[in-house]
Amino acid sequence: MSVIKIDPKLDLVLEREIDVPVELVWTAWTTPRHIKEWFVPKPWTITHCEIDLRPGGAFNTTMRSPEGQEFPNAGCFLEIVEHQRLVFTDTLLPGFRPAEKPFFTGALLLEPNGQGTRYTAIAIHGSEESRKSHEEMGFHDGWGTVASQMVDYIKAGKVSN
């Protein structure tokens, strides 16, 4: 059981009922070649993805803007419950090494819903200011867009168990 308790003053939540199976969502989220295809709103791209799927293991991505500017994101996994929960953070680097400039901890919660998935993505922040900044950056639109891109990618037959 996860210890995550949502605090509306600090956390942002995206909840969706999606019509693809939990197992395929899990694979899309935990395989670097898949992450590269849907993890940022197009026309942005992911140019690098490293996943070491274990607590303390790396979850590193590099986003590229349409203008070619790159934004590396380094973090690690905190909790992994296959097909149910994935918790990651940029507050800690691989090996649980503290990061200099933490931003948020992310949690992906998956529950079977018929043939589909109840998909919940949570961005957990350390301050109301950080939460507000992430919301103003477009959390709901951005994370909503990538969830839709992921579903389209899975439906196109690009992900298998």
N, C-alpha and C. Protein backbone atom coordinates (compact mmCIF):
# COMPACT_ATOMS: atom_id res chain seq x y z
N MET A 1 0.85 -1.19 0.00
CA MET A 1 0.00 0.00 0.00
C MET A 1 0.88 1.25 0.00
N SER A 2 0.57 2.19 -0.81
CA SER A 2 1.34 3.42 -0.93
C SER A 2 1.03 4.37 0.22
N VAL A 3 2.01 5.17 0.57
CA VAL A 3 1.83 6.16 1.64
C VAL A 3 1.40 7.52 1.10
N ILE A 4 1.12 7.61 -0.20
CA ILE A 4 0.78 8.89 -0.82
C ILE A 4 -0.60 9.35 -0.34
N LYS A 5 -0.63 10.54 0.22
CA LYS A 5 -1.87 11.21 0.62
C LYS A 5 -1.89 12.55 -0.11
N ILE A 6 -2.88 12.77 -0.94
CA ILE A 6 -2.93 13.99 -1.75
C ILE A 6 -3.29 15.18 -0.88
N ASP A 7 -2.49 16.24 -1.02
CA ASP A 7 -2.72 17.52 -0.34
C ASP A 7 -2.99 18.55 -1.43
N PRO A 8 -4.23 19.04 -1.57
CA PRO A 8 -4.55 19.97 -2.66
C PRO A 8 -3.73 21.25 -2.65
N LYS A 9 -3.15 21.62 -1.53
CA LYS A 9 -2.31 22.83 -1.47
C LYS A 9 -0.94 22.58 -2.08
N LEU A 10 -0.52 21.31 -2.12
CA LEU A 10 0.84 21.00 -2.56
C LEU A 10 0.90 20.12 -3.82
N ASP A 11 -0.19 19.46 -4.15
CA ASP A 11 -0.15 18.45 -5.19
C ASP A 11 -1.08 18.77 -6.36
N LEU A 12 -0.68 18.30 -7.53
CA LEU A 12 -1.50 18.40 -8.74
C LEU A 12 -1.86 16.99 -9.17
N VAL A 13 -3.09 16.79 -9.59
CA VAL A 13 -3.58 15.45 -9.91
C VAL A 13 -4.26 15.45 -11.28
N LEU A 14 -3.94 14.45 -12.08
CA LEU A 14 -4.62 14.20 -13.35
C LEU A 14 -5.21 12.80 -13.26
N GLU A 15 -6.53 12.70 -13.40
CA GLU A 15 -7.21 11.41 -13.35
C GLU A 15 -7.93 11.18 -14.66
N ARG A 16 -7.79 9.99 -15.19
CA ARG A 16 -8.44 9.64 -16.45
C ARG A 16 -8.87 8.19 -16.44
N GLU A 17 -9.93 7.90 -17.15
CA GLU A 17 -10.31 6.53 -17.48
C GLU A 17 -9.84 6.36 -18.92
N ILE A 18 -8.89 5.47 -19.14
CA ILE A 18 -8.35 5.28 -20.49
C ILE A 18 -8.67 3.87 -20.96
N ASP A 19 -8.85 3.71 -22.26
CA ASP A 19 -9.31 2.44 -22.79
C ASP A 19 -8.19 1.58 -23.37
N VAL A 20 -7.11 1.48 -22.59
CA VAL A 20 -6.02 0.55 -22.89
C VAL A 20 -5.68 -0.19 -21.60
N PRO A 21 -5.23 -1.44 -21.70
CA PRO A 21 -4.99 -2.25 -20.50
C PRO A 21 -3.81 -1.75 -19.64
N VAL A 22 -3.94 -2.00 -18.35
CA VAL A 22 -2.91 -1.61 -17.37
C VAL A 22 -1.53 -2.11 -17.79
N GLU A 23 -1.45 -3.35 -18.24
CA GLU A 23 -0.15 -3.94 -18.57
C GLU A 23 0.56 -3.16 -19.67
N LEU A 24 -0.20 -2.66 -20.65
CA LEU A 24 0.41 -1.90 -21.74
C LEU A 24 0.79 -0.50 -21.28
N VAL A 25 0.00 0.10 -20.40
CA VAL A 25 0.36 1.40 -19.83
C VAL A 25 1.67 1.26 -19.05
N TRP A 26 1.77 0.20 -18.26
CA TRP A 26 2.99 -0.03 -17.48
C TRP A 26 4.21 -0.15 -18.41
N THR A 27 4.07 -0.93 -19.45
CA THR A 27 5.18 -1.11 -20.40
C THR A 27 5.55 0.21 -21.06
N ALA A 28 4.55 1.00 -21.43
CA ALA A 28 4.82 2.30 -22.07
C ALA A 28 5.58 3.22 -21.12
N TRP A 29 5.30 3.12 -19.82
CA TRP A 29 5.94 3.99 -18.82
C TRP A 29 7.31 3.49 -18.38
N THR A 30 7.63 2.23 -18.62
CA THR A 30 8.86 1.67 -18.04
C THR A 30 9.88 1.21 -19.08
N THR A 31 9.68 1.57 -20.33
CA THR A 31 10.58 1.16 -21.41
C THR A 31 11.08 2.42 -22.13
N PRO A 32 12.40 2.66 -22.09
CA PRO A 32 12.93 3.90 -22.68
C PRO A 32 12.49 4.17 -24.11
N ARG A 33 12.49 3.17 -24.99
CA ARG A 33 12.11 3.42 -26.39
C ARG A 33 10.66 3.87 -26.51
N HIS A 34 9.82 3.43 -25.59
CA HIS A 34 8.42 3.87 -25.60
C HIS A 34 8.29 5.28 -25.04
N ILE A 35 8.95 5.54 -23.92
CA ILE A 35 8.91 6.89 -23.30
C ILE A 35 9.27 7.95 -24.34
N LYS A 36 10.27 7.67 -25.16
CA LYS A 36 10.74 8.64 -26.16
C LYS A 36 9.65 9.03 -27.15
N GLU A 37 8.63 8.19 -27.32
CA GLU A 37 7.61 8.43 -28.33
C GLU A 37 6.42 9.26 -27.86
N TRP A 38 6.21 9.40 -26.54
CA TRP A 38 4.97 10.05 -26.09
C TRP A 38 5.10 10.92 -24.84
N PHE A 39 6.23 10.94 -24.18
CA PHE A 39 6.36 11.49 -22.83
C PHE A 39 6.33 13.01 -22.72
N VAL A 40 6.45 13.72 -23.83
CA VAL A 40 6.34 15.19 -23.82
C VAL A 40 5.36 15.62 -24.91
N PRO A 41 4.66 16.75 -24.70
CA PRO A 41 3.72 17.21 -25.73
C PRO A 41 4.46 17.53 -27.03
N LYS A 42 3.98 16.96 -28.13
CA LYS A 42 4.57 17.27 -29.44
C LYS A 42 4.30 18.74 -29.78
N PRO A 43 5.21 19.45 -30.37
CA PRO A 43 6.37 18.99 -31.12
C PRO A 43 7.64 18.81 -30.29
N TRP A 44 7.56 18.90 -28.96
CA TRP A 44 8.71 18.57 -28.12
C TRP A 44 9.05 17.10 -28.32
N THR A 45 10.30 16.73 -28.03
CA THR A 45 10.72 15.34 -28.15
C THR A 45 11.57 14.96 -26.94
N ILE A 46 11.72 13.66 -26.76
CA ILE A 46 12.65 13.11 -25.77
C ILE A 46 13.83 12.58 -26.57
N THR A 47 15.02 13.12 -26.30
CA THR A 47 16.22 12.69 -27.03
C THR A 47 17.00 11.63 -26.28
N HIS A 48 16.76 11.50 -24.98
CA HIS A 48 17.47 10.51 -24.17
C HIS A 48 16.55 10.03 -23.06
N CYS A 49 16.58 8.74 -22.80
CA CYS A 49 15.83 8.19 -21.67
C CYS A 49 16.61 7.02 -21.10
N GLU A 50 16.84 7.07 -19.80
CA GLU A 50 17.50 6.00 -19.07
C GLU A 50 16.58 5.56 -17.94
N ILE A 51 16.28 4.28 -17.90
CA ILE A 51 15.42 3.73 -16.85
C ILE A 51 16.13 2.53 -16.22
N ASP A 52 16.34 2.61 -14.92
CA ASP A 52 16.84 1.49 -14.12
C ASP A 52 15.72 1.21 -13.11
N LEU A 53 14.84 0.30 -13.46
CA LEU A 53 13.57 0.12 -12.77
C LEU A 53 13.74 -0.63 -11.44
N ARG A 54 14.21 0.11 -10.45
CA ARG A 54 14.34 -0.39 -9.08
C ARG A 54 14.44 0.81 -8.16
N PRO A 55 14.06 0.68 -6.90
CA PRO A 55 14.20 1.82 -5.98
C PRO A 55 15.66 2.31 -5.96
N GLY A 56 15.81 3.62 -6.16
CA GLY A 56 17.14 4.21 -6.26
C GLY A 56 17.71 4.19 -7.65
N GLY A 57 17.05 3.48 -8.57
CA GLY A 57 17.52 3.40 -9.95
C GLY A 57 17.19 4.66 -10.73
N ALA A 58 17.93 4.90 -11.77
CA ALA A 58 17.81 6.13 -12.57
C ALA A 58 16.50 6.21 -13.33
N PHE A 59 15.94 7.42 -13.34
CA PHE A 59 14.87 7.78 -14.27
C PHE A 59 15.28 9.14 -14.84
N ASN A 60 16.03 9.08 -15.94
CA ASN A 60 16.61 10.27 -16.55
C ASN A 60 16.06 10.45 -17.95
N THR A 61 15.66 11.68 -18.25
CA THR A 61 15.20 12.00 -19.60
C THR A 61 15.80 13.35 -20.01
N THR A 62 15.88 13.55 -21.31
CA THR A 62 16.25 14.86 -21.85
C THR A 62 15.17 15.26 -22.83
N MET A 63 14.56 16.42 -22.56
CA MET A 63 13.52 16.96 -23.44
C MET A 63 14.17 17.96 -24.39
N ARG A 64 13.69 17.98 -25.64
CA ARG A 64 14.18 18.95 -26.63
C ARG A 64 12.99 19.79 -27.09
N SER A 65 13.17 21.10 -27.02
CA SER A 65 12.14 22.02 -27.49
C SER A 65 12.12 22.03 -29.02
N PRO A 66 11.05 22.56 -29.61
CA PRO A 66 11.01 22.67 -31.08
C PRO A 66 12.16 23.51 -31.64
N GLU A 67 12.71 24.41 -30.81
CA GLU A 67 13.83 25.27 -31.24
C GLU A 67 15.17 24.58 -31.07
N GLY A 68 15.18 23.36 -30.48
CA GLY A 68 16.41 22.60 -30.33
C GLY A 68 17.09 22.72 -28.98
N GLN A 69 16.51 23.45 -28.06
CA GLN A 69 17.10 23.58 -26.73
C GLN A 69 16.80 22.31 -25.93
N GLU A 70 17.82 21.80 -25.22
CA GLU A 70 17.65 20.56 -24.47
C GLU A 70 17.55 20.83 -22.97
N PHE A 71 16.69 20.03 -22.33
CA PHE A 71 16.43 20.15 -20.90
C PHE A 71 16.59 18.78 -20.25
N PRO A 72 17.76 18.52 -19.65
CA PRO A 72 17.94 17.22 -18.98
C PRO A 72 17.18 17.18 -17.65
N ASN A 73 16.61 16.03 -17.36
CA ASN A 73 15.90 15.79 -16.10
C ASN A 73 16.46 14.52 -15.50
N ALA A 74 17.03 14.64 -14.31
CA ALA A 74 17.62 13.48 -13.64
C ALA A 74 16.84 13.19 -12.36
N GLY A 75 16.63 11.92 -12.11
CA GLY A 75 15.94 11.53 -10.89
C GLY A 75 16.07 10.05 -10.66
N CYS A 76 15.30 9.56 -9.69
CA CYS A 76 15.33 8.14 -9.40
C CYS A 76 13.95 7.64 -9.01
N PHE A 77 13.82 6.35 -9.06
CA PHE A 77 12.58 5.69 -8.64
C PHE A 77 12.60 5.50 -7.13
N LEU A 78 11.45 5.70 -6.52
CA LEU A 78 11.30 5.50 -5.08
C LEU A 78 10.52 4.23 -4.77
N GLU A 79 9.46 3.99 -5.54
CA GLU A 79 8.58 2.85 -5.28
C GLU A 79 8.12 2.27 -6.61
N ILE A 80 8.15 0.95 -6.70
CA ILE A 80 7.73 0.27 -7.91
C ILE A 80 6.87 -0.92 -7.51
N VAL A 81 5.61 -0.89 -7.89
CA VAL A 81 4.71 -2.03 -7.70
C VAL A 81 4.15 -2.33 -9.08
N GLU A 82 4.66 -3.38 -9.70
CA GLU A 82 4.36 -3.68 -11.10
C GLU A 82 2.86 -3.63 -11.39
N HIS A 83 2.52 -2.90 -12.45
CA HIS A 83 1.16 -2.73 -12.96
C HIS A 83 0.24 -1.96 -12.02
N GLN A 84 0.79 -1.37 -10.94
CA GLN A 84 -0.04 -0.64 -9.99
C GLN A 84 0.48 0.76 -9.67
N ARG A 85 1.78 0.87 -9.40
CA ARG A 85 2.28 2.14 -8.87
C ARG A 85 3.75 2.33 -9.24
N LEU A 86 4.04 3.55 -9.67
CA LEU A 86 5.39 3.95 -10.00
C LEU A 86 5.60 5.33 -9.38
N VAL A 87 6.56 5.44 -8.47
CA VAL A 87 6.83 6.71 -7.81
C VAL A 87 8.28 7.09 -8.13
N PHE A 88 8.47 8.31 -8.61
CA PHE A 88 9.79 8.78 -9.03
C PHE A 88 9.96 10.22 -8.57
N THR A 89 11.21 10.68 -8.53
CA THR A 89 11.46 12.03 -8.04
C THR A 89 12.70 12.62 -8.68
N ASP A 90 12.73 13.94 -8.75
CA ASP A 90 13.96 14.64 -9.12
C ASP A 90 14.60 15.24 -7.86
N THR A 91 14.00 14.97 -6.71
CA THR A 91 14.54 15.42 -5.43
C THR A 91 15.78 14.60 -5.08
N LEU A 92 15.80 13.37 -5.55
CA LEU A 92 16.93 12.48 -5.36
C LEU A 92 17.41 12.02 -6.73
N LEU A 93 18.71 11.85 -6.84
CA LEU A 93 19.32 11.33 -8.06
C LEU A 93 19.52 9.83 -7.88
N PRO A 94 19.96 9.13 -8.91
CA PRO A 94 20.20 7.70 -8.76
C PRO A 94 21.06 7.41 -7.53
N GLY A 95 20.76 6.29 -6.88
CA GLY A 95 21.47 5.93 -5.66
C GLY A 95 21.02 6.74 -4.46
N PHE A 96 19.87 7.43 -4.59
CA PHE A 96 19.31 8.27 -3.53
C PHE A 96 20.20 9.45 -3.15
N ARG A 97 21.03 9.90 -4.09
CA ARG A 97 21.89 11.07 -3.87
C ARG A 97 21.03 12.32 -3.93
N PRO A 98 21.06 13.21 -2.91
CA PRO A 98 20.23 14.43 -2.93
C PRO A 98 20.55 15.33 -4.14
N ALA A 99 19.51 15.86 -4.75
CA ALA A 99 19.65 16.77 -5.89
C ALA A 99 19.81 18.20 -5.38
N GLU A 100 20.48 19.03 -6.15
CA GLU A 100 20.66 20.43 -5.75
C GLU A 100 19.39 21.24 -5.88
N LYS A 101 18.63 21.01 -6.95
CA LYS A 101 17.43 21.81 -7.21
C LYS A 101 16.22 20.91 -7.44
N PRO A 102 15.66 20.38 -6.37
CA PRO A 102 14.49 19.52 -6.54
C PRO A 102 13.26 20.31 -6.98
N PHE A 103 12.37 19.64 -7.72
CA PHE A 103 11.16 20.28 -8.19
C PHE A 103 9.92 19.54 -7.70
N PHE A 104 9.85 18.22 -7.98
CA PHE A 104 8.66 17.48 -7.54
C PHE A 104 8.93 15.98 -7.53
N THR A 105 8.01 15.28 -6.90
CA THR A 105 7.96 13.83 -6.93
C THR A 105 6.71 13.45 -7.71
N GLY A 106 6.83 12.48 -8.58
CA GLY A 106 5.70 12.04 -9.39
C GLY A 106 5.24 10.66 -8.98
N ALA A 107 3.94 10.45 -9.06
CA ALA A 107 3.38 9.13 -8.79
C ALA A 107 2.40 8.78 -9.89
N LEU A 108 2.52 7.59 -10.39
CA LEU A 108 1.60 7.06 -11.37
C LEU A 108 0.87 5.91 -10.70
N LEU A 109 -0.45 6.01 -10.62
CA LEU A 109 -1.28 4.97 -10.01
C LEU A 109 -2.16 4.37 -11.10
N LEU A 110 -2.15 3.05 -11.21
CA LEU A 110 -2.89 2.34 -12.25
C LEU A 110 -3.82 1.32 -11.60
N GLU A 111 -5.06 1.30 -12.06
CA GLU A 111 -6.03 0.31 -11.58
C GLU A 111 -6.79 -0.22 -12.79
N PRO A 112 -6.96 -1.54 -12.86
CA PRO A 112 -7.77 -2.09 -13.94
C PRO A 112 -9.20 -1.53 -13.86
N ASN A 113 -9.77 -1.26 -15.03
CA ASN A 113 -11.13 -0.75 -15.12
C ASN A 113 -11.76 -1.41 -16.35
N GLY A 114 -12.36 -2.58 -16.13
CA GLY A 114 -12.84 -3.36 -17.27
C GLY A 114 -11.66 -3.74 -18.13
N GLN A 115 -11.73 -3.43 -19.43
CA GLN A 115 -10.61 -3.68 -20.34
C GLN A 115 -9.61 -2.53 -20.35
N GLY A 116 -9.95 -1.46 -19.64
CA GLY A 116 -9.10 -0.27 -19.63
C GLY A 116 -8.39 -0.06 -18.29
N THR A 117 -8.06 1.21 -18.03
CA THR A 117 -7.25 1.57 -16.87
C THR A 117 -7.76 2.85 -16.25
N ARG A 118 -7.84 2.86 -14.93
CA ARG A 118 -8.00 4.11 -14.19
C ARG A 118 -6.59 4.63 -13.99
N TYR A 119 -6.30 5.78 -14.59
CA TYR A 119 -4.95 6.35 -14.69
C TYR A 119 -4.91 7.60 -13.82
N THR A 120 -4.06 7.60 -12.82
CA THR A 120 -3.90 8.77 -11.97
C THR A 120 -2.43 9.16 -11.94
N ALA A 121 -2.15 10.39 -12.32
CA ALA A 121 -0.79 10.94 -12.25
C ALA A 121 -0.80 12.07 -11.23
N ILE A 122 0.15 12.03 -10.30
CA ILE A 122 0.21 13.02 -9.23
C ILE A 122 1.58 13.67 -9.23
N ALA A 123 1.60 14.99 -9.15
CA ALA A 123 2.85 15.74 -8.98
C ALA A 123 2.84 16.29 -7.56
N ILE A 124 3.76 15.82 -6.73
CA ILE A 124 3.84 16.16 -5.32
C ILE A 124 4.93 17.21 -5.14
N HIS A 125 4.56 18.34 -4.55
CA HIS A 125 5.50 19.45 -4.40
C HIS A 125 5.80 19.73 -2.93
N GLY A 126 6.94 20.37 -2.69
CA GLY A 126 7.36 20.70 -1.33
C GLY A 126 6.83 22.01 -0.82
N SER A 127 6.26 22.83 -1.71
CA SER A 127 5.73 24.13 -1.29
C SER A 127 4.55 24.51 -2.18
N GLU A 128 3.71 25.39 -1.66
CA GLU A 128 2.59 25.89 -2.46
C GLU A 128 3.10 26.67 -3.66
N GLU A 129 4.22 27.37 -3.49
CA GLU A 129 4.81 28.14 -4.59
C GLU A 129 5.25 27.23 -5.73
N SER A 130 5.89 26.13 -5.39
CA SER A 130 6.34 25.18 -6.40
C SER A 130 5.14 24.55 -7.12
N ARG A 131 4.11 24.19 -6.37
CA ARG A 131 2.89 23.63 -6.96
C ARG A 131 2.27 24.62 -7.94
N LYS A 132 2.15 25.87 -7.49
CA LYS A 132 1.54 26.91 -8.33
C LYS A 132 2.36 27.12 -9.60
N SER A 133 3.67 27.14 -9.46
CA SER A 133 4.54 27.30 -10.62
C SER A 133 4.34 26.17 -11.63
N HIS A 134 4.24 24.94 -11.14
CA HIS A 134 4.05 23.79 -12.03
C HIS A 134 2.68 23.86 -12.71
N GLU A 135 1.68 24.30 -11.97
CA GLU A 135 0.34 24.45 -12.55
C GLU A 135 0.36 25.52 -13.64
N GLU A 136 1.04 26.64 -13.39
CA GLU A 136 1.11 27.73 -14.37
C GLU A 136 1.94 27.34 -15.59
N MET A 137 2.87 26.39 -15.42
CA MET A 137 3.65 25.88 -16.55
C MET A 137 2.78 25.03 -17.48
N GLY A 138 1.59 24.68 -17.01
CA GLY A 138 0.67 23.91 -17.84
C GLY A 138 0.56 22.45 -17.46
N PHE A 139 0.69 22.13 -16.18
CA PHE A 139 0.62 20.74 -15.73
C PHE A 139 -0.57 20.00 -16.34
N HIS A 140 -1.78 20.51 -16.13
CA HIS A 140 -2.97 19.77 -16.56
C HIS A 140 -3.01 19.57 -18.08
N ASP A 141 -2.75 20.62 -18.85
CA ASP A 141 -2.73 20.48 -20.31
C ASP A 141 -1.59 19.56 -20.75
N GLY A 142 -0.41 19.78 -20.20
CA GLY A 142 0.77 19.00 -20.61
C GLY A 142 0.64 17.53 -20.26
N TRP A 143 0.32 17.24 -19.00
CA TRP A 143 0.20 15.85 -18.59
C TRP A 143 -1.02 15.20 -19.24
N GLY A 144 -2.06 15.97 -19.48
CA GLY A 144 -3.23 15.44 -20.19
C GLY A 144 -2.88 15.10 -21.63
N THR A 145 -2.13 15.98 -22.28
CA THR A 145 -1.70 15.73 -23.66
C THR A 145 -0.84 14.49 -23.75
N VAL A 146 0.13 14.33 -22.85
CA VAL A 146 1.00 13.15 -22.94
C VAL A 146 0.23 11.87 -22.61
N ALA A 147 -0.75 11.94 -21.74
CA ALA A 147 -1.58 10.76 -21.48
C ALA A 147 -2.32 10.36 -22.76
N SER A 148 -2.87 11.34 -23.46
CA SER A 148 -3.55 11.06 -24.74
C SER A 148 -2.57 10.52 -25.78
N GLN A 149 -1.38 11.11 -25.85
CA GLN A 149 -0.36 10.63 -26.79
C GLN A 149 0.02 9.19 -26.47
N MET A 150 0.14 8.86 -25.17
CA MET A 150 0.48 7.51 -24.76
C MET A 150 -0.62 6.54 -25.20
N VAL A 151 -1.88 6.89 -24.97
CA VAL A 151 -3.00 6.03 -25.37
C VAL A 151 -2.97 5.82 -26.88
N ASP A 152 -2.80 6.87 -27.66
CA ASP A 152 -2.74 6.75 -29.12
C ASP A 152 -1.59 5.85 -29.55
N TYR A 153 -0.45 6.00 -28.90
CA TYR A 153 0.74 5.19 -29.20
C TYR A 153 0.46 3.72 -28.92
N ILE A 154 -0.16 3.44 -27.78
CA ILE A 154 -0.50 2.05 -27.43
C ILE A 154 -1.52 1.50 -28.43
N LYS A 155 -2.56 2.27 -28.75
CA LYS A 155 -3.59 1.81 -29.70
C LYS A 155 -3.05 1.59 -31.10
N ALA A 156 -1.94 2.26 -31.44
CA ALA A 156 -1.32 2.06 -32.74
C ALA A 156 -0.53 0.74 -32.80
N GLY A 157 -0.55 0.00 -31.70
CA GLY A 157 0.10 -1.30 -31.68
C GLY A 157 1.60 -1.25 -31.42
N LYS A 158 2.08 -0.13 -30.90
CA LYS A 158 3.51 0.05 -30.70
C LYS A 158 4.02 -0.62 -29.41
N VAL A 159 3.10 -0.97 -28.49
CA VAL A 159 3.48 -1.52 -27.19
C VAL A 159 2.86 -2.92 -27.08
N SER A 160 3.67 -3.89 -26.63
CA SER A 160 3.13 -5.21 -26.35
C SER A 160 3.73 -5.71 -25.04
N ASN A 161 3.07 -6.69 -24.44
CA ASN A 161 3.56 -7.24 -23.16
C ASN A 161 4.82 -8.04 -23.33
